[in-house]
Amino acid sequence: MAGSALDSRLFQNLLERKEIRDVFADSSYTQYMMDIEAALARAQSAVGIIPSEAGQIITEAFRTATIE
């Protein structure tokens, strides 16, 4: 069994393309997670699970965050 997609006989050629590697880069993956969390916060604020202004505050915080 492959330990990662790079070791996989099925996916290794797919990951040789720069466009695909960029999708799975640490910075891209982290940004996707922040985008999802921001969307969740906006949805929760829209239905009253969290304070109404919190969704936008969280979204803005993730938009300006710098992850190293």
PDB file of N, CA and C in Angstrom:
ATOM      1  N   MET A   1       0.855  -1.184   0.000  1.00  0.00           N
ATOM      2  CA  MET A   1       0.000   0.000   0.000  1.00  0.00           C
ATOM      3  C   MET A   1       0.896   1.241   0.000  1.00  0.00           C
ATOM      4  N   ALA A   2       0.505   2.241  -0.772  1.00  0.00           N
ATOM      5  CA  ALA A   2       1.277   3.477  -0.877  1.00  0.00           C
ATOM      6  C   ALA A   2       1.136   4.297   0.403  1.00  0.00           C
ATOM      7  N   GLY A   3       2.249   4.908   0.821  1.00  0.00           N
ATOM      8  CA  GLY A   3       2.235   5.751   2.004  1.00  0.00           C
ATOM      9  C   GLY A   3       1.726   7.150   1.725  1.00  0.00           C
ATOM     10  N   SER A   4       1.831   7.594   0.494  1.00  0.00           N
ATOM     11  CA  SER A   4       1.338   8.906   0.093  1.00  0.00           C
ATOM     12  C   SER A   4       0.998   8.867  -1.384  1.00  0.00           C
ATOM     13  N   ALA A   5       0.372   9.926  -1.849  1.00  0.00           N
ATOM     14  CA  ALA A   5       0.012   9.992  -3.267  1.00  0.00           C
ATOM     15  C   ALA A   5       1.254   9.966  -4.151  1.00  0.00           C
ATOM     16  N   LEU A   6       2.368  10.492  -3.643  1.00  0.00           N
ATOM     17  CA  LEU A   6       3.605  10.480  -4.430  1.00  0.00           C
ATOM     18  C   LEU A   6       4.146   9.067  -4.615  1.00  0.00           C
ATOM     19  N   ASP A   7       3.841   8.171  -3.679  1.00  0.00           N
ATOM     20  CA  ASP A   7       4.285   6.780  -3.757  1.00  0.00           C
ATOM     21  C   ASP A   7       3.316   5.908  -4.552  1.00  0.00           C
ATOM     22  N   SER A   8       2.144   6.429  -4.813  1.00  0.00           N
ATOM     23  CA  SER A   8       1.094   5.658  -5.455  1.00  0.00           C
ATOM     24  C   SER A   8       1.377   5.452  -6.938  1.00  0.00           C
ATOM     25  N   ARG A   9       1.232   4.218  -7.382  1.00  0.00           N
ATOM     26  CA  ARG A   9       1.386   3.941  -8.811  1.00  0.00           C
ATOM     27  C   ARG A   9       0.240   4.557  -9.594  1.00  0.00           C
ATOM     28  N   LEU A  10      -0.915   4.739  -8.948  1.00  0.00           N
ATOM     29  CA  LEU A  10      -2.063   5.314  -9.638  1.00  0.00           C
ATOM     30  C   LEU A  10      -1.967   6.824  -9.802  1.00  0.00           C
ATOM     31  N   PHE A  11      -1.404   7.512  -8.810  1.00  0.00           N
ATOM     32  CA  PHE A  11      -1.444   8.971  -8.797  1.00  0.00           C
ATOM     33  C   PHE A  11      -0.100   9.656  -9.018  1.00  0.00           C
ATOM     34  N   GLN A  12       1.000   8.918  -9.027  1.00  0.00           N
ATOM     35  CA  GLN A  12       2.306   9.582  -9.096  1.00  0.00           C
ATOM     36  C   GLN A  12       2.476  10.415 -10.359  1.00  0.00           C
ATOM     37  N   ASN A  13       1.969   9.962 -11.491  1.00  0.00           N
ATOM     38  CA  ASN A  13       2.108  10.747 -12.728  1.00  0.00           C
ATOM     39  C   ASN A  13       1.247  11.999 -12.698  1.00  0.00           C
ATOM     40  N   LEU A  14       0.121  11.934 -12.035  1.00  0.00           N
ATOM     41  CA  LEU A  14      -0.739  13.100 -11.891  1.00  0.00           C
ATOM     42  C   LEU A  14      -0.011  14.210 -11.143  1.00  0.00           C
ATOM     43  N   LEU A  15       0.727  13.849 -10.108  1.00  0.00           N
ATOM     44  CA  LEU A  15       1.398  14.842  -9.277  1.00  0.00           C
ATOM     45  C   LEU A  15       2.691  15.372  -9.889  1.00  0.00           C
ATOM     46  N   GLU A  16       3.070  14.860 -11.027  1.00  0.00           N
ATOM     47  CA  GLU A  16       4.247  15.400 -11.712  1.00  0.00           C
ATOM     48  C   GLU A  16       3.932  16.732 -12.378  1.00  0.00           C
ATOM     49  N   ARG A  17       2.665  17.019 -12.609  1.00  0.00           N
ATOM     50  CA  ARG A  17       2.286  18.278 -13.245  1.00  0.00           C
ATOM     51  C   ARG A  17       2.301  19.391 -12.205  1.00  0.00           C
ATOM     52  N   LYS A  18       2.910  20.509 -12.558  1.00  0.00           N
ATOM     53  CA  LYS A  18       3.025  21.640 -11.644  1.00  0.00           C
ATOM     54  C   LYS A  18       1.664  22.134 -11.171  1.00  0.00           C
ATOM     55  N   GLU A  19       0.683  22.175 -12.045  1.00  0.00           N
ATOM     56  CA  GLU A  19      -0.644  22.668 -11.682  1.00  0.00           C
ATOM     57  C   GLU A  19      -1.252  21.829 -10.552  1.00  0.00           C
ATOM     58  N   ILE A  20      -1.051  20.536 -10.608  1.00  0.00           N
ATOM     59  CA  ILE A  20      -1.598  19.652  -9.577  1.00  0.00           C
ATOM     60  C   ILE A  20      -0.781  19.760  -8.296  1.00  0.00           C
ATOM     61  N   ARG A  21       0.535  19.832  -8.404  1.00  0.00           N
ATOM     62  CA  ARG A  21       1.376  19.999  -7.213  1.00  0.00           C
ATOM     63  C   ARG A  21       1.013  21.291  -6.487  1.00  0.00           C
ATOM     64  N   ASP A  22       0.717  22.345  -7.251  1.00  0.00           N
ATOM     65  CA  ASP A  22       0.337  23.623  -6.638  1.00  0.00           C
ATOM     66  C   ASP A  22      -0.950  23.500  -5.828  1.00  0.00           C
ATOM     67  N   VAL A  23      -1.886  22.696  -6.315  1.00  0.00           N
ATOM     68  CA  VAL A  23      -3.146  22.494  -5.590  1.00  0.00           C
ATOM     69  C   VAL A  23      -2.883  21.863  -4.230  1.00  0.00           C
ATOM     70  N   PHE A  24      -1.922  20.931  -4.175  1.00  0.00           N
ATOM     71  CA  PHE A  24      -1.646  20.202  -2.946  1.00  0.00           C
ATOM     72  C   PHE A  24      -0.487  20.778  -2.138  1.00  0.00           C
ATOM     73  N   ALA A  25       0.020  21.924  -2.525  1.00  0.00           N
ATOM     74  CA  ALA A  25       1.100  22.563  -1.773  1.00  0.00           C
ATOM     75  C   ALA A  25       0.591  22.942  -0.387  1.00  0.00           C
ATOM     76  N   ASP A  26       1.474  22.970   0.589  1.00  0.00           N
ATOM     77  CA  ASP A  26       1.077  23.302   1.959  1.00  0.00           C
ATOM     78  C   ASP A  26       0.332  24.629   2.030  1.00  0.00           C
ATOM     79  N   SER A  27       0.832  25.627   1.322  1.00  0.00           N
ATOM     80  CA  SER A  27       0.191  26.949   1.383  1.00  0.00           C
ATOM     81  C   SER A  27      -1.212  26.908   0.784  1.00  0.00           C
ATOM     82  N   SER A  28      -1.389  26.197  -0.318  1.00  0.00           N
ATOM     83  CA  SER A  28      -2.717  26.080  -0.931  1.00  0.00           C
ATOM     84  C   SER A  28      -3.668  25.316  -0.024  1.00  0.00           C
ATOM     85  N   TYR A  29      -3.194  24.201   0.510  1.00  0.00           N
ATOM     86  CA  TYR A  29      -4.021  23.373   1.383  1.00  0.00           C
ATOM     87  C   TYR A  29      -4.470  24.165   2.611  1.00  0.00           C
ATOM     88  N   THR A  30      -3.550  24.916   3.193  1.00  0.00           N
ATOM     89  CA  THR A  30      -3.882  25.732   4.358  1.00  0.00           C
ATOM     90  C   THR A  30      -4.901  26.803   3.994  1.00  0.00           C
ATOM     91  N   GLN A  31      -4.737  27.423   2.831  1.00  0.00           N
ATOM     92  CA  GLN A  31      -5.692  28.447   2.393  1.00  0.00           C
ATOM     93  C   GLN A  31      -7.075  27.854   2.181  1.00  0.00           C
ATOM     94  N   TYR A  32      -7.141  26.655   1.595  1.00  0.00           N
ATOM     95  CA  TYR A  32      -8.435  25.993   1.411  1.00  0.00           C
ATOM     96  C   TYR A  32      -9.117  25.757   2.755  1.00  0.00           C
ATOM     97  N   MET A  33      -8.348  25.317   3.746  1.00  0.00           N
ATOM     98  CA  MET A  33      -8.930  25.080   5.069  1.00  0.00           C
ATOM     99  C   MET A  33      -9.455  26.377   5.679  1.00  0.00           C
ATOM    100  N   MET A  34      -8.698  27.460   5.528  1.00  0.00           N
ATOM    101  CA  MET A  34      -9.157  28.747   6.063  1.00  0.00           C
ATOM    102  C   MET A  34     -10.398  29.231   5.327  1.00  0.00           C
ATOM    103  N   ASP A  35     -10.460  29.022   4.015  1.00  0.00           N
ATOM    104  CA  ASP A  35     -11.645  29.405   3.241  1.00  0.00           C
ATOM    105  C   ASP A  35     -12.882  28.644   3.721  1.00  0.00           C
ATOM    106  N   ILE A  36     -12.707  27.364   3.999  1.00  0.00           N
ATOM    107  CA  ILE A  36     -13.823  26.547   4.478  1.00  0.00           C
ATOM    108  C   ILE A  36     -14.268  27.006   5.864  1.00  0.00           C
ATOM    109  N   GLU A  37     -13.317  27.254   6.742  1.00  0.00           N
ATOM    110  CA  GLU A  37     -13.661  27.721   8.090  1.00  0.00           C
ATOM    111  C   GLU A  37     -14.366  29.070   8.040  1.00  0.00           C
ATOM    112  N   ALA A  38     -13.928  29.944   7.158  1.00  0.00           N
ATOM    113  CA  ALA A  38     -14.569  31.258   7.022  1.00  0.00           C
ATOM    114  C   ALA A  38     -16.000  31.095   6.509  1.00  0.00           C
ATOM    115  N   ALA A  39     -16.190  30.227   5.526  1.00  0.00           N
ATOM    116  CA  ALA A  39     -17.537  29.989   5.004  1.00  0.00           C
ATOM    117  C   ALA A  39     -18.439  29.398   6.080  1.00  0.00           C
ATOM    118  N   LEU A  40     -17.913  28.488   6.877  1.00  0.00           N
ATOM    119  CA  LEU A  40     -18.682  27.899   7.970  1.00  0.00           C
ATOM    120  C   LEU A  40     -19.078  28.975   8.988  1.00  0.00           C
ATOM    121  N   ALA A  41     -18.152  29.852   9.316  1.00  0.00           N
ATOM    122  CA  ALA A  41     -18.445  30.923  10.269  1.00  0.00           C
ATOM    123  C   ALA A  41     -19.529  31.855   9.727  1.00  0.00           C
ATOM    124  N   ARG A  42     -19.462  32.179   8.443  1.00  0.00           N
ATOM    125  CA  ARG A  42     -20.501  33.038   7.850  1.00  0.00           C
ATOM    126  C   ARG A  42     -21.862  32.349   7.893  1.00  0.00           C
ATOM    127  N   ALA A  43     -21.892  31.060   7.592  1.00  0.00           N
ATOM    128  CA  ALA A  43     -23.150  30.312   7.627  1.00  0.00           C
ATOM    129  C   ALA A  43     -23.694  30.242   9.054  1.00  0.00           C
ATOM    130  N   GLN A  44     -22.818  29.987  10.015  1.00  0.00           N
ATOM    131  CA  GLN A  44     -23.259  29.914  11.404  1.00  0.00           C
ATOM    132  C   GLN A  44     -23.775  31.264  11.891  1.00  0.00           C
ATOM    133  N   SER A  45     -23.130  32.333  11.462  1.00  0.00           N
ATOM    134  CA  SER A  45     -23.609  33.655  11.886  1.00  0.00           C
ATOM    135  C   SER A  45     -24.941  33.986  11.221  1.00  0.00           C
ATOM    136  N   ALA A  46     -25.151  33.486  10.018  1.00  0.00           N
ATOM    137  CA  ALA A  46     -26.408  33.755   9.310  1.00  0.00           C
ATOM    138  C   ALA A  46     -27.607  33.093   9.985  1.00  0.00           C
ATOM    139  N   VAL A  47     -27.367  31.965  10.658  1.00  0.00           N
ATOM    140  CA  VAL A  47     -28.488  31.261  11.299  1.00  0.00           C
ATOM    141  C   VAL A  47     -28.490  31.425  12.815  1.00  0.00           C
ATOM    142  N   GLY A  48     -27.603  32.267  13.328  1.00  0.00           N
ATOM    143  CA  GLY A  48     -27.626  32.606  14.739  1.00  0.00           C
ATOM    144  C   GLY A  48     -26.884  31.670  15.675  1.00  0.00           C
ATOM    145  N   ILE A  49     -26.049  30.787  15.144  1.00  0.00           N
ATOM    146  CA  ILE A  49     -25.274  29.894  16.008  1.00  0.00           C
ATOM    147  C   ILE A  49     -24.154  30.662  16.703  1.00  0.00           C
ATOM    148  N   ILE A  50     -23.566  31.589  15.981  1.00  0.00           N
ATOM    149  CA  ILE A  50     -22.555  32.482  16.546  1.00  0.00           C
ATOM    150  C   ILE A  50     -23.051  33.912  16.325  1.00  0.00           C
ATOM    151  N   PRO A  51     -22.496  34.889  17.014  1.00  0.00           N
ATOM    152  CA  PRO A  51     -22.961  36.272  16.841  1.00  0.00           C
ATOM    153  C   PRO A  51     -22.928  36.713  15.371  1.00  0.00           C
ATOM    154  N   SER A  52     -23.868  37.515  14.986  1.00  0.00           N
ATOM    155  CA  SER A  52     -24.030  37.894  13.582  1.00  0.00           C
ATOM    156  C   SER A  52     -22.791  38.533  12.969  1.00  0.00           C
ATOM    157  N   GLU A  53     -22.041  39.308  13.748  1.00  0.00           N
ATOM    158  CA  GLU A  53     -20.845  39.961  13.195  1.00  0.00           C
ATOM    159  C   GLU A  53     -19.631  39.032  13.169  1.00  0.00           C
ATOM    160  N   ALA A  54     -19.686  37.926  13.872  1.00  0.00           N
ATOM    161  CA  ALA A  54     -18.523  37.040  13.991  1.00  0.00           C
ATOM    162  C   ALA A  54     -18.117  36.421  12.661  1.00  0.00           C
ATOM    163  N   GLY A  55     -19.076  36.063  11.832  1.00  0.00           N
ATOM    164  CA  GLY A  55     -18.756  35.466  10.539  1.00  0.00           C
ATOM    165  C   GLY A  55     -17.893  36.369   9.685  1.00  0.00           C
ATOM    166  N   GLN A  56     -18.253  37.636   9.626  1.00  0.00           N
ATOM    167  CA  GLN A  56     -17.473  38.577   8.818  1.00  0.00           C
ATOM    168  C   GLN A  56     -16.112  38.862   9.456  1.00  0.00           C
ATOM    169  N   ILE A  57     -16.065  38.947  10.767  1.00  0.00           N
ATOM    170  CA  ILE A  57     -14.787  39.183  11.460  1.00  0.00           C
ATOM    171  C   ILE A  57     -13.831  38.021  11.215  1.00  0.00           C
ATOM    172  N   ILE A  58     -14.342  36.805  11.316  1.00  0.00           N
ATOM    173  CA  ILE A  58     -13.506  35.623  11.084  1.00  0.00           C
ATOM    174  C   ILE A  58     -13.046  35.573   9.634  1.00  0.00           C
ATOM    175  N   THR A  59     -13.945  35.862   8.703  1.00  0.00           N
ATOM    176  CA  THR A  59     -13.588  35.877   7.284  1.00  0.00           C
ATOM    177  C   THR A  59     -12.473  36.875   7.015  1.00  0.00           C
ATOM    178  N   GLU A  60     -12.591  38.063   7.552  1.00  0.00           N
ATOM    179  CA  GLU A  60     -11.566  39.088   7.348  1.00  0.00           C
ATOM    180  C   GLU A  60     -10.246  38.678   7.988  1.00  0.00           C
ATOM    181  N   ALA A  61     -10.307  38.059   9.156  1.00  0.00           N
ATOM    182  CA  ALA A  61      -9.077  37.613   9.821  1.00  0.00           C
ATOM    183  C   ALA A  61      -8.351  36.571   8.976  1.00  0.00           C
ATOM    184  N   PHE A  62      -9.099  35.636   8.396  1.00  0.00           N
ATOM    185  CA  PHE A  62      -8.460  34.626   7.538  1.00  0.00           C
ATOM    186  C   PHE A  62      -7.964  35.238   6.238  1.00  0.00           C
ATOM    187  N   ARG A  63      -8.672  36.241   5.732  1.00  0.00           N
ATOM    188  CA  ARG A  63      -8.257  36.875   4.481  1.00  0.00           C
ATOM    189  C   ARG A  63      -6.915  37.582   4.636  1.00  0.00           C
ATOM    190  N   THR A  64      -6.660  38.134   5.804  1.00  0.00           N
ATOM    191  CA  THR A  64      -5.422  38.889   6.016  1.00  0.00           C
ATOM    192  C   THR A  64      -4.342  38.104   6.757  1.00  0.00           C
ATOM    193  N   ALA A  65      -4.642  36.858   7.111  1.00  0.00           N
ATOM    194  CA  ALA A  65      -3.678  36.040   7.857  1.00  0.00           C
ATOM    195  C   ALA A  65      -2.493  35.653   6.978  1.00  0.00           C
ATOM    196  N   THR A  66      -1.339  35.589   7.596  1.00  0.00           N
ATOM    197  CA  THR A  66      -0.134  35.114   6.929  1.00  0.00           C
ATOM    198  C   THR A  66       0.327  33.850   7.634  1.00  0.00           C
ATOM    199  N   ILE A  67       0.337  32.751   6.916  1.00  0.00           N
ATOM    200  CA  ILE A  67       0.738  31.468   7.490  1.00  0.00           C
ATOM    201  C   ILE A  67       2.120  31.124   6.940  1.00  0.00           C
ATOM    202  N   GLU A  68       3.039  30.858   7.837  1.00  0.00           N
ATOM    203  CA  GLU A  68       4.397  30.494   7.414  1.00  0.00           C
ATOM    204  C   GLU A  68       4.683  29.052   7.735  1.00  0.00           C
TER     205      GLU A  68
END
